[in-house]
Amino acid sequence: MRRSLRHLHRHWRNARTHTLHDANRWKYLHIGNFTANGTYPPNHGLI
């Protein structure tokens, strides 16, 4: 594989990781779930 293609693959892999691991989205989900349903957030580092 050409060097430029490897770097492009790495760029898109990093971009995908950042878009799928949005901590703020999960925080708002857990806060909203607690506010609406009284469900406590998980205790194992998901937020």
C-alpha atoms as a PDB file:
ATOM      1  CA  MET A   1       0.000   0.000   0.000  1.00  0.00           C
ATOM      2  CA  ARG A   2       1.286   3.421  -0.861  1.00  0.00           C
ATOM      3  CA  ARG A   3       2.330   5.660   1.975  1.00  0.00           C
ATOM      4  CA  SER A   4      -0.285   8.315   1.158  1.00  0.00           C
ATOM      5  CA  LEU A   5      -3.056   5.706   1.271  1.00  0.00           C
ATOM      6  CA  ARG A   6      -1.886   4.444   4.655  1.00  0.00           C
ATOM      7  CA  HIS A   7      -2.033   7.958   6.055  1.00  0.00           C
ATOM      8  CA  LEU A   8      -5.492   8.523   4.601  1.00  0.00           C
ATOM      9  CA  HIS A   9      -6.708   5.255   6.150  1.00  0.00           C
ATOM     10  CA  ARG A  10      -5.286   6.348   9.507  1.00  0.00           C
ATOM     11  CA  HIS A  11      -6.987   9.723   9.218  1.00  0.00           C
ATOM     12  CA  TRP A  12     -10.425   8.198   8.565  1.00  0.00           C
ATOM     13  CA  ARG A  13      -9.956   5.586  11.273  1.00  0.00           C
ATOM     14  CA  ASN A  14      -9.157   8.343  13.791  1.00  0.00           C
ATOM     15  CA  ALA A  15     -12.080  10.449  12.582  1.00  0.00           C
ATOM     16  CA  ARG A  16     -14.459   7.508  12.968  1.00  0.00           C
ATOM     17  CA  THR A  17     -13.189   6.808  16.489  1.00  0.00           C
ATOM     18  CA  HIS A  18     -13.733  10.418  17.565  1.00  0.00           C
ATOM     19  CA  THR A  19     -17.247  10.575  16.162  1.00  0.00           C
ATOM     20  CA  LEU A  20     -18.313   7.300  17.776  1.00  0.00           C
ATOM     21  CA  HIS A  21     -16.853   8.046  21.202  1.00  0.00           C
ATOM     22  CA  ASP A  22     -18.665  11.258  22.036  1.00  0.00           C
ATOM     23  CA  ALA A  23     -18.518  11.502  25.818  1.00  0.00           C
ATOM     24  CA  ASN A  24     -20.798  14.554  25.980  1.00  0.00           C
ATOM     25  CA  ARG A  25     -23.579  12.746  24.159  1.00  0.00           C
ATOM     26  CA  TRP A  26     -23.461   9.899  26.691  1.00  0.00           C
ATOM     27  CA  LYS A  27     -23.361  12.319  29.637  1.00  0.00           C
ATOM     28  CA  TYR A  28     -26.498  14.071  28.406  1.00  0.00           C
ATOM     29  CA  LEU A  29     -28.205  10.738  27.816  1.00  0.00           C
ATOM     30  CA  HIS A  30     -27.501   9.552  31.371  1.00  0.00           C
ATOM     31  CA  ILE A  31     -28.444  12.889  32.931  1.00  0.00           C
ATOM     32  CA  GLY A  32     -31.699  12.953  30.968  1.00  0.00           C
ATOM     33  CA  ASN A  33     -32.460   9.350  31.855  1.00  0.00           C
ATOM     34  CA  PHE A  34     -31.904  10.112  35.544  1.00  0.00           C
ATOM     35  CA  THR A  35     -34.046  13.252  35.386  1.00  0.00           C
ATOM     36  CA  ALA A  36     -36.914  11.616  33.520  1.00  0.00           C
ATOM     37  CA  ASN A  37     -36.864   8.088  34.942  1.00  0.00           C
ATOM     38  CA  GLY A  38     -34.798   8.218  38.132  1.00  0.00           C
ATOM     39  CA  THR A  39     -32.347   5.692  36.659  1.00  0.00           C
ATOM     40  CA  TYR A  40     -28.853   6.110  38.032  1.00  0.00           C
ATOM     41  CA  PRO A  41     -25.968   6.259  35.551  1.00  0.00           C
ATOM     42  CA  PRO A  42     -23.680   3.236  35.270  1.00  0.00           C
ATOM     43  CA  ASN A  43     -20.886   2.972  37.772  1.00  0.00           C
ATOM     44  CA  HIS A  44     -18.221   1.624  35.430  1.00  0.00           C
ATOM     45  CA  GLY A  45     -16.812   4.599  33.604  1.00  0.00           C
ATOM     46  CA  LEU A  46     -19.216   4.991  30.688  1.00  0.00           C
ATOM     47  CA  ILE A  47     -19.710   8.672  31.439  1.00  0.00           C
END
